Amino acid sequence: MSEVNFTEEEIVWAKLRGYPWWPALILSIKKDKDLDEEKYRVVFFGNYSQANLKKIYLAKFNNNTFQNSNVKSKELIEIIEDAKQINSSEGEERNKKIKEIISKAKAKEKEKKNNTNDSSSETSKTKEKSKVENGKSSLNKKMKKMEDKIGNDLIYRICNYMRHLTVVLVQKDNSYSFDKNKPYLCKIFKFLSEYQIQEPIEFLKKTNLGKYIKYIKDNVPNNEIKQASIDVYESLQNQVSNYLNKQK
């Protein structure tokens, strides 16, 4: 199966943690020598914010992909329609619209830097006073946020990866090398099959993890990955069953 490639000024689907798949424009592509992978600088349609994303958080954009099938936000629906219109345009008309997006993205980035500089002009004396006033209460809040972040990161990383695999499987014009990533996938599945969830029903409702695992179990042809995903799915079922028995 051939690997999917992206180009600069291409309209794509992009995924930022905590947000749905969103239409975006690739501004630049840079090679990270240390990680031996490409980083994609994208600007999101609508608010013109920018982000650096790995390739796994991008997908080919077309006008009938499943990412926007369950969208309820009126704002996002309008943004998707605008992206479709630009994606369908050609020649000078398309170039003009792309340049306009890039121009707005640069303007927003400049405004963001100016705001950051204004904020950083606060004197060290004022900062120190603020730290003293916050005291122990501030420290406790930071510790709580850190604990929540660790838990949320685990959920987001796992579920975003599962969601990405599902995207790849559903899109007819997309492909993915499962054999290349088999060791990594099997490690994730081994971890998931042994991971004990305190409140499995609430966890699965929030993350849709069971749905993604089932889809991969039913659709991935690789036998080793299929068996590993079966182990995870059975583990999740057992945990839910045990949890329900304890509640009786």
C-alpha atoms as a PDB file:
ATOM      1  CA  MET A   1       0.000   0.000   0.000  1.00  0.00           C
ATOM      2  CA  SER A   2       1.451   3.378  -1.007  1.00  0.00           C
ATOM      3  CA  GLU A   3       2.070   6.113   1.537  1.00  0.00           C
ATOM      4  CA  VAL A   4      -0.028   9.274   1.402  1.00  0.00           C
ATOM      5  CA  ASN A   5       1.875  12.468   0.602  1.00  0.00           C
ATOM      6  CA  PHE A   6       0.898  16.089   1.157  1.00  0.00           C
ATOM      7  CA  THR A   7       2.088  19.300  -0.496  1.00  0.00           C
ATOM      8  CA  GLU A   8       2.333  22.961   0.469  1.00  0.00           C
ATOM      9  CA  GLU A   9      -0.866  25.001  -0.097  1.00  0.00           C
ATOM     10  CA  GLU A  10      -2.916  21.791  -0.112  1.00  0.00           C
ATOM     11  CA  ILE A  11      -6.286  21.826   1.680  1.00  0.00           C
ATOM     12  CA  VAL A  12      -6.473  18.944   4.162  1.00  0.00           C
ATOM     13  CA  TRP A  13      -8.316  17.636   7.192  1.00  0.00           C
ATOM     14  CA  ALA A  14      -6.277  18.363  10.334  1.00  0.00           C
ATOM     15  CA  LYS A  15      -6.752  17.115  13.904  1.00  0.00           C
ATOM     16  CA  LEU A  16      -5.851  19.141  16.963  1.00  0.00           C
ATOM     17  CA  ARG A  17      -6.295  17.506  20.356  1.00  0.00           C
ATOM     18  CA  GLY A  18      -9.628  18.415  21.915  1.00  0.00           C
ATOM     19  CA  TYR A  19     -11.186  19.539  18.607  1.00  0.00           C
ATOM     20  CA  PRO A  20     -12.963  17.724  15.763  1.00  0.00           C
ATOM     21  CA  TRP A  21     -11.322  17.174  12.377  1.00  0.00           C
ATOM     22  CA  TRP A  22     -11.067  20.620  10.806  1.00  0.00           C
ATOM     23  CA  PRO A  23     -10.337  21.967   7.292  1.00  0.00           C
ATOM     24  CA  ALA A  24      -6.845  23.449   7.124  1.00  0.00           C
ATOM     25  CA  LEU A  25      -4.261  24.699   4.633  1.00  0.00           C
ATOM     26  CA  ILE A  26      -0.656  23.454   4.676  1.00  0.00           C
ATOM     27  CA  LEU A  27       1.654  26.484   4.896  1.00  0.00           C
ATOM     28  CA  SER A  28       4.990  24.678   4.953  1.00  0.00           C
ATOM     29  CA  ILE A  29       6.603  21.250   5.363  1.00  0.00           C
ATOM     30  CA  LYS A  30       9.850  20.836   7.298  1.00  0.00           C
ATOM     31  CA  LYS A  31      11.964  17.778   8.022  1.00  0.00           C
ATOM     32  CA  ASP A  32      12.746  17.167  11.689  1.00  0.00           C
ATOM     33  CA  LYS A  33      16.255  15.669  11.530  1.00  0.00           C
ATOM     34  CA  ASP A  34      16.263  14.530  15.161  1.00  0.00           C
ATOM     35  CA  LEU A  35      12.973  12.623  14.866  1.00  0.00           C
ATOM     36  CA  ASP A  36      13.440  11.740  11.187  1.00  0.00           C
ATOM     37  CA  GLU A  37       9.900  12.834  10.331  1.00  0.00           C
ATOM     38  CA  GLU A  38       8.116  15.702   8.643  1.00  0.00           C
ATOM     39  CA  LYS A  39       6.336  18.494  10.503  1.00  0.00           C
ATOM     40  CA  TYR A  40       3.455  20.284   8.794  1.00  0.00           C
ATOM     41  CA  ARG A  41       2.675  23.921   9.546  1.00  0.00           C
ATOM     42  CA  VAL A  42      -1.049  24.387   8.950  1.00  0.00           C
ATOM     43  CA  VAL A  43      -3.542  27.227   9.266  1.00  0.00           C
ATOM     44  CA  PHE A  44      -7.095  26.315  10.258  1.00  0.00           C
ATOM     45  CA  PHE A  45     -10.012  27.700   8.279  1.00  0.00           C
ATOM     46  CA  GLY A  46     -12.309  30.083  10.154  1.00  0.00           C
ATOM     47  CA  ASN A  47     -10.103  31.435  12.941  1.00  0.00           C
ATOM     48  CA  TYR A  48      -6.766  31.356  11.016  1.00  0.00           C
ATOM     49  CA  SER A  49      -4.864  29.897  13.967  1.00  0.00           C
ATOM     50  CA  GLN A  50      -1.724  27.887  13.191  1.00  0.00           C
ATOM     51  CA  ALA A  51      -0.199  24.654  14.465  1.00  0.00           C
ATOM     52  CA  ASN A  52       2.671  22.262  13.761  1.00  0.00           C
ATOM     53  CA  LEU A  53       1.331  18.738  13.247  1.00  0.00           C
ATOM     54  CA  LYS A  54       2.701  15.295  12.567  1.00  0.00           C
ATOM     55  CA  LYS A  55       1.579  13.465   9.454  1.00  0.00           C
ATOM     56  CA  ILE A  56      -0.707  11.107  11.407  1.00  0.00           C
ATOM     57  CA  TYR A  57      -2.921  14.099  12.280  1.00  0.00           C
ATOM     58  CA  LEU A  58      -3.563  14.958   8.626  1.00  0.00           C
ATOM     59  CA  ALA A  59      -5.898  13.343   6.099  1.00  0.00           C
ATOM     60  CA  LYS A  60      -6.727  13.978   2.475  1.00  0.00           C
ATOM     61  CA  PHE A  61      -9.569  16.448   2.019  1.00  0.00           C
ATOM     62  CA  ASN A  62     -12.462  15.682  -0.259  1.00  0.00           C
ATOM     63  CA  ASN A  63     -16.088  16.753  -0.247  1.00  0.00           C
ATOM     64  CA  ASN A  64     -17.538  13.485   1.036  1.00  0.00           C
ATOM     65  CA  THR A  65     -15.253  12.239   3.820  1.00  0.00           C
ATOM     66  CA  PHE A  66     -16.671  10.869   7.040  1.00  0.00           C
ATOM     67  CA  GLN A  67     -15.038  13.485   9.292  1.00  0.00           C
ATOM     68  CA  ASN A  68     -17.861  15.963   8.711  1.00  0.00           C
ATOM     69  CA  SER A  69     -20.775  13.505   8.648  1.00  0.00           C
ATOM     70  CA  ASN A  70     -21.848  14.146  12.256  1.00  0.00           C
ATOM     71  CA  VAL A  71     -21.049  17.836  12.548  1.00  0.00           C
ATOM     72  CA  LYS A  72     -23.682  19.785  14.511  1.00  0.00           C
ATOM     73  CA  SER A  73     -21.896  23.116  14.884  1.00  0.00           C
ATOM     74  CA  LYS A  74     -23.359  25.668  12.474  1.00  0.00           C
ATOM     75  CA  GLU A  75     -20.042  27.542  12.465  1.00  0.00           C
ATOM     76  CA  LEU A  76     -18.048  24.430  11.488  1.00  0.00           C
ATOM     77  CA  ILE A  77     -20.568  23.477   8.810  1.00  0.00           C
ATOM     78  CA  GLU A  78     -20.128  26.903   7.193  1.00  0.00           C
ATOM     79  CA  ILE A  79     -16.320  26.623   7.442  1.00  0.00           C
ATOM     80  CA  ILE A  80     -16.390  23.193   5.791  1.00  0.00           C
ATOM     81  CA  GLU A  81     -18.539  24.545   2.952  1.00  0.00           C
ATOM     82  CA  ASP A  82     -16.069  27.417   2.405  1.00  0.00           C
ATOM     83  CA  ALA A  83     -13.199  24.940   2.303  1.00  0.00           C
ATOM     84  CA  LYS A  84     -15.055  22.769  -0.202  1.00  0.00           C
ATOM     85  CA  GLN A  85     -15.668  25.771  -2.433  1.00  0.00           C
ATOM     86  CA  ILE A  86     -11.989  26.792  -2.404  1.00  0.00           C
ATOM     87  CA  ASN A  87     -10.874  23.188  -2.886  1.00  0.00           C
ATOM     88  CA  SER A  88     -13.101  22.916  -5.965  1.00  0.00           C
ATOM     89  CA  SER A  89     -11.898  26.189  -7.503  1.00  0.00           C
ATOM     90  CA  GLU A  90      -9.057  26.300 -10.022  1.00  0.00           C
ATOM     91  CA  GLY A  91      -6.411  28.555 -11.514  1.00  0.00           C
ATOM     92  CA  GLU A  92      -6.273  32.236 -10.650  1.00  0.00           C
ATOM     93  CA  GLU A  93      -9.429  32.096  -8.529  1.00  0.00           C
ATOM     94  CA  ARG A  94      -7.947  29.394  -6.270  1.00  0.00           C
ATOM     95  CA  ASN A  95      -4.575  31.158  -6.015  1.00  0.00           C
ATOM     96  CA  LYS A  96      -6.285  34.380  -4.973  1.00  0.00           C
ATOM     97  CA  LYS A  97      -8.266  32.651  -2.197  1.00  0.00           C
ATOM     98  CA  ILE A  98      -5.212  30.729  -0.965  1.00  0.00           C
ATOM     99  CA  LYS A  99      -3.135  33.943  -0.794  1.00  0.00           C
ATOM    100  CA  GLU A 100      -5.940  35.615   1.155  1.00  0.00           C
ATOM    101  CA  ILE A 101      -5.930  32.803   3.743  1.00  0.00           C
ATOM    102  CA  ILE A 102      -2.124  32.970   4.081  1.00  0.00           C
ATOM    103  CA  SER A 103      -2.279  36.761   4.480  1.00  0.00           C
ATOM    104  CA  LYS A 104      -4.885  36.513   7.266  1.00  0.00           C
ATOM    105  CA  ALA A 105      -2.855  33.780   8.962  1.00  0.00           C
ATOM    106  CA  LYS A 106       0.258  35.988   8.979  1.00  0.00           C
ATOM    107  CA  ALA A 107      -1.732  38.931  10.349  1.00  0.00           C
ATOM    108  CA  LYS A 108      -3.132  36.826  13.194  1.00  0.00           C
ATOM    109  CA  GLU A 109       0.315  35.427  13.999  1.00  0.00           C
ATOM    110  CA  LYS A 110       1.727  38.967  14.149  1.00  0.00           C
ATOM    111  CA  GLU A 111      -1.097  40.059  16.454  1.00  0.00           C
ATOM    112  CA  LYS A 112      -0.438  37.043  18.675  1.00  0.00           C
ATOM    113  CA  LYS A 113       3.265  37.921  18.977  1.00  0.00           C
ATOM    114  CA  ASN A 114       2.438  41.536  19.855  1.00  0.00           C
ATOM    115  CA  ASN A 115       0.065  40.387  22.596  1.00  0.00           C
ATOM    116  CA  THR A 116       2.723  38.017  23.929  1.00  0.00           C
ATOM    117  CA  ASN A 117       5.288  40.822  24.059  1.00  0.00           C
ATOM    118  CA  ASP A 118       2.852  43.090  25.898  1.00  0.00           C
ATOM    119  CA  SER A 119       2.117  40.363  28.385  1.00  0.00           C
ATOM    120  CA  SER A 120       5.807  39.613  29.002  1.00  0.00           C
ATOM    121  CA  SER A 121       6.490  43.266  29.900  1.00  0.00           C
ATOM    122  CA  GLU A 122       5.139  42.655  33.393  1.00  0.00           C
ATOM    123  CA  THR A 123       7.870  43.400  35.956  1.00  0.00           C
ATOM    124  CA  SER A 124       9.536  40.651  37.952  1.00  0.00           C
ATOM    125  CA  LYS A 125       8.432  42.411  41.145  1.00  0.00           C
ATOM    126  CA  THR A 126       4.760  42.073  40.213  1.00  0.00           C
ATOM    127  CA  LYS A 127       5.258  38.409  39.289  1.00  0.00           C
ATOM    128  CA  GLU A 128       6.929  37.670  42.628  1.00  0.00           C
ATOM    129  CA  LYS A 129       4.110  39.393  44.518  1.00  0.00           C
ATOM    130  CA  SER A 130       1.559  37.319  42.618  1.00  0.00           C
ATOM    131  CA  LYS A 131       3.386  34.105  43.557  1.00  0.00           C
ATOM    132  CA  VAL A 132       3.374  35.018  47.245  1.00  0.00           C
ATOM    133  CA  GLU A 133      -0.339  35.885  47.195  1.00  0.00           C
ATOM    134  CA  ASN A 134      -1.266  32.647  45.497  1.00  0.00           C
ATOM    135  CA  GLY A 135       0.889  30.574  47.867  1.00  0.00           C
ATOM    136  CA  LYS A 136      -0.166  27.070  48.707  1.00  0.00           C
ATOM    137  CA  SER A 137      -3.522  27.382  46.921  1.00  0.00           C
ATOM    138  CA  SER A 138      -1.781  28.024  43.604  1.00  0.00           C
ATOM    139  CA  LEU A 139       0.550  25.071  44.099  1.00  0.00           C
ATOM    140  CA  ASN A 140      -2.359  22.743  44.842  1.00  0.00           C
ATOM    141  CA  LYS A 141      -4.187  23.889  41.707  1.00  0.00           C
ATOM    142  CA  LYS A 142      -1.107  23.273  39.577  1.00  0.00           C
ATOM    143  CA  MET A 143      -0.665  19.799  41.031  1.00  0.00           C
ATOM    144  CA  LYS A 144      -4.322  18.994  40.325  1.00  0.00           C
ATOM    145  CA  LYS A 145      -4.034  20.261  36.757  1.00  0.00           C
ATOM    146  CA  MET A 146      -0.874  18.210  36.268  1.00  0.00           C
ATOM    147  CA  GLU A 147      -2.593  15.049  37.502  1.00  0.00           C
ATOM    148  CA  ASP A 148      -5.580  15.690  35.224  1.00  0.00           C
ATOM    149  CA  LYS A 149      -3.288  16.413  32.281  1.00  0.00           C
ATOM    150  CA  ILE A 150      -1.427  13.116  32.713  1.00  0.00           C
ATOM    151  CA  GLY A 151      -4.718  11.203  32.691  1.00  0.00           C
ATOM    152  CA  ASN A 152      -6.158  13.192  29.792  1.00  0.00           C
ATOM    153  CA  ASP A 153      -2.976  12.875  27.715  1.00  0.00           C
ATOM    154  CA  LEU A 154      -3.135   9.114  28.017  1.00  0.00           C
ATOM    155  CA  ILE A 155      -6.765   9.063  26.857  1.00  0.00           C
ATOM    156  CA  TYR A 156      -6.231  11.564  24.039  1.00  0.00           C
ATOM    157  CA  ARG A 157      -3.091   9.929  22.676  1.00  0.00           C
ATOM    158  CA  ILE A 158      -4.628   6.478  22.556  1.00  0.00           C
ATOM    159  CA  CYS A 159      -7.991   7.569  21.179  1.00  0.00           C
ATOM    160  CA  ASN A 160      -6.592  10.006  18.621  1.00  0.00           C
ATOM    161  CA  TYR A 161      -4.384   7.216  17.293  1.00  0.00           C
ATOM    162  CA  MET A 162      -7.333   4.836  17.083  1.00  0.00           C
ATOM    163  CA  ARG A 163      -9.416   7.573  15.430  1.00  0.00           C
ATOM    164  CA  HIS A 164      -6.684   8.182  12.857  1.00  0.00           C
ATOM    165  CA  LEU A 165      -6.546   4.481  11.965  1.00  0.00           C
ATOM    166  CA  THR A 166     -10.320   4.495  11.509  1.00  0.00           C
ATOM    167  CA  VAL A 167     -10.029   7.536   9.209  1.00  0.00           C
ATOM    168  CA  VAL A 168      -7.485   5.704   7.085  1.00  0.00           C
ATOM    169  CA  LEU A 169      -9.675   2.609   6.842  1.00  0.00           C
ATOM    170  CA  VAL A 170     -12.828   4.523   5.882  1.00  0.00           C
ATOM    171  CA  GLN A 171     -11.353   6.815   3.231  1.00  0.00           C
ATOM    172  CA  LYS A 172     -11.389   5.108  -0.150  1.00  0.00           C
ATOM    173  CA  ASP A 173      -8.671   7.354  -1.576  1.00  0.00           C
ATOM    174  CA  ASN A 174      -6.316   6.835   1.368  1.00  0.00           C
ATOM    175  CA  SER A 175      -3.878   4.036   2.296  1.00  0.00           C
ATOM    176  CA  TYR A 176      -1.605   3.120   5.155  1.00  0.00           C
ATOM    177  CA  SER A 177       1.273   0.711   5.827  1.00  0.00           C
ATOM    178  CA  PHE A 178       0.042  -1.400   8.740  1.00  0.00           C
ATOM    179  CA  ASP A 179       3.001  -3.783   8.424  1.00  0.00           C
ATOM    180  CA  LYS A 180       5.422  -0.892   8.885  1.00  0.00           C
ATOM    181  CA  ASN A 181       3.701   0.135  12.136  1.00  0.00           C
ATOM    182  CA  LYS A 182       2.850  -3.374  13.359  1.00  0.00           C
ATOM    183  CA  PRO A 183       5.343  -3.446  16.293  1.00  0.00           C
ATOM    184  CA  TYR A 184       4.108  -0.064  17.545  1.00  0.00           C
ATOM    185  CA  LEU A 185       0.468  -1.029  17.148  1.00  0.00           C
ATOM    186  CA  CYS A 186       0.930  -4.328  18.959  1.00  0.00           C
ATOM    187  CA  LYS A 187       2.646  -2.554  21.877  1.00  0.00           C
ATOM    188  CA  ILE A 188      -0.332  -0.177  22.167  1.00  0.00           C
ATOM    189  CA  PHE A 189      -2.802  -3.063  22.030  1.00  0.00           C
ATOM    190  CA  LYS A 190      -0.798  -5.028  24.646  1.00  0.00           C
ATOM    191  CA  PHE A 191      -0.896  -2.007  26.955  1.00  0.00           C
ATOM    192  CA  LEU A 192      -4.640  -1.549  26.397  1.00  0.00           C
ATOM    193  CA  SER A 193      -5.410  -5.230  27.024  1.00  0.00           C
ATOM    194  CA  GLU A 194      -3.669  -4.998  30.424  1.00  0.00           C
ATOM    195  CA  TYR A 195      -4.904  -1.500  31.345  1.00  0.00           C
ATOM    196  CA  GLN A 196      -7.419  -1.563  34.204  1.00  0.00           C
ATOM    197  CA  ILE A 197     -10.015   1.231  33.974  1.00  0.00           C
ATOM    198  CA  GLN A 198     -11.616   2.394  37.228  1.00  0.00           C
ATOM    199  CA  GLU A 199     -14.912   3.407  35.607  1.00  0.00           C
ATOM    200  CA  PRO A 200     -14.911   1.617  32.230  1.00  0.00           C
ATOM    201  CA  ILE A 201     -18.423   2.617  31.107  1.00  0.00           C
ATOM    202  CA  GLU A 202     -17.783   6.349  31.600  1.00  0.00           C
ATOM    203  CA  PHE A 203     -14.326   5.995  30.054  1.00  0.00           C
ATOM    204  CA  LEU A 204     -15.640   4.287  26.920  1.00  0.00           C
ATOM    205  CA  LYS A 205     -18.494   6.801  26.549  1.00  0.00           C
ATOM    206  CA  LYS A 206     -16.077   9.734  26.614  1.00  0.00           C
ATOM    207  CA  THR A 207     -13.437   8.236  24.305  1.00  0.00           C
ATOM    208  CA  ASN A 208     -15.331   5.904  21.913  1.00  0.00           C
ATOM    209  CA  LEU A 209     -12.300   3.625  22.290  1.00  0.00           C
ATOM    210  CA  GLY A 210     -14.383   0.437  22.090  1.00  0.00           C
ATOM    211  CA  LYS A 211     -15.888   1.560  18.793  1.00  0.00           C
ATOM    212  CA  TYR A 212     -12.466   2.232  17.219  1.00  0.00           C
ATOM    213  CA  ILE A 213     -10.990  -1.051  18.478  1.00  0.00           C
ATOM    214  CA  LYS A 214     -13.969  -2.996  17.101  1.00  0.00           C
ATOM    215  CA  TYR A 215     -13.657  -1.306  13.725  1.00  0.00           C
ATOM    216  CA  ILE A 216      -9.932  -2.110  13.526  1.00  0.00           C
ATOM    217  CA  LYS A 217     -10.607  -5.692  14.707  1.00  0.00           C
ATOM    218  CA  ASP A 218     -13.164  -6.191  11.935  1.00  0.00           C
ATOM    219  CA  ASN A 219     -11.317  -4.446   9.092  1.00  0.00           C
ATOM    220  CA  VAL A 220      -7.524  -4.788   9.434  1.00  0.00           C
ATOM    221  CA  PRO A 221      -6.267  -7.763   7.390  1.00  0.00           C
ATOM    222  CA  ASN A 222      -3.011  -8.257   9.326  1.00  0.00           C
ATOM    223  CA  ASN A 223      -3.531 -11.344  11.559  1.00  0.00           C
ATOM    224  CA  GLU A 224      -1.196 -10.231  14.346  1.00  0.00           C
ATOM    225  CA  ILE A 225      -2.857  -6.829  14.634  1.00  0.00           C
ATOM    226  CA  LYS A 226      -6.302  -8.435  14.398  1.00  0.00           C
ATOM    227  CA  GLN A 227      -5.530 -10.862  17.258  1.00  0.00           C
ATOM    228  CA  ALA A 228      -4.060  -8.077  19.391  1.00  0.00           C
ATOM    229  CA  SER A 229      -7.162  -5.929  18.849  1.00  0.00           C
ATOM    230  CA  ILE A 230      -9.393  -8.907  19.722  1.00  0.00           C
ATOM    231  CA  ASP A 231      -7.544  -9.228  23.050  1.00  0.00           C
ATOM    232  CA  VAL A 232      -8.180  -5.529  23.754  1.00  0.00           C
ATOM    233  CA  TYR A 233     -11.848  -5.752  22.806  1.00  0.00           C
ATOM    234  CA  GLU A 234     -12.388  -8.789  25.040  1.00  0.00           C
ATOM    235  CA  SER A 235     -10.545  -7.057  27.902  1.00  0.00           C
ATOM    236  CA  LEU A 236     -12.818  -4.016  27.603  1.00  0.00           C
ATOM    237  CA  GLN A 237     -15.910  -6.247  27.554  1.00  0.00           C
ATOM    238  CA  ASN A 238     -14.733  -8.120  30.675  1.00  0.00           C
ATOM    239  CA  GLN A 239     -13.992  -4.913  32.534  1.00  0.00           C
ATOM    240  CA  VAL A 240     -17.456  -3.528  31.759  1.00  0.00           C
ATOM    241  CA  SER A 241     -19.050  -6.832  32.812  1.00  0.00           C
ATOM    242  CA  ASN A 242     -17.109  -6.954  36.106  1.00  0.00           C
ATOM    243  CA  TYR A 243     -17.912  -3.313  36.802  1.00  0.00           C
ATOM    244  CA  LEU A 244     -21.657  -3.915  36.312  1.00  0.00           C
ATOM    245  CA  ASN A 245     -21.561  -6.976  38.609  1.00  0.00           C
ATOM    246  CA  LYS A 246     -19.939  -4.912  41.377  1.00  0.00           C
ATOM    247  CA  GLN A 247     -22.691  -2.315  41.101  1.00  0.00           C
ATOM    248  CA  LYS A 248     -25.432  -4.856  41.800  1.00  0.00           C
END
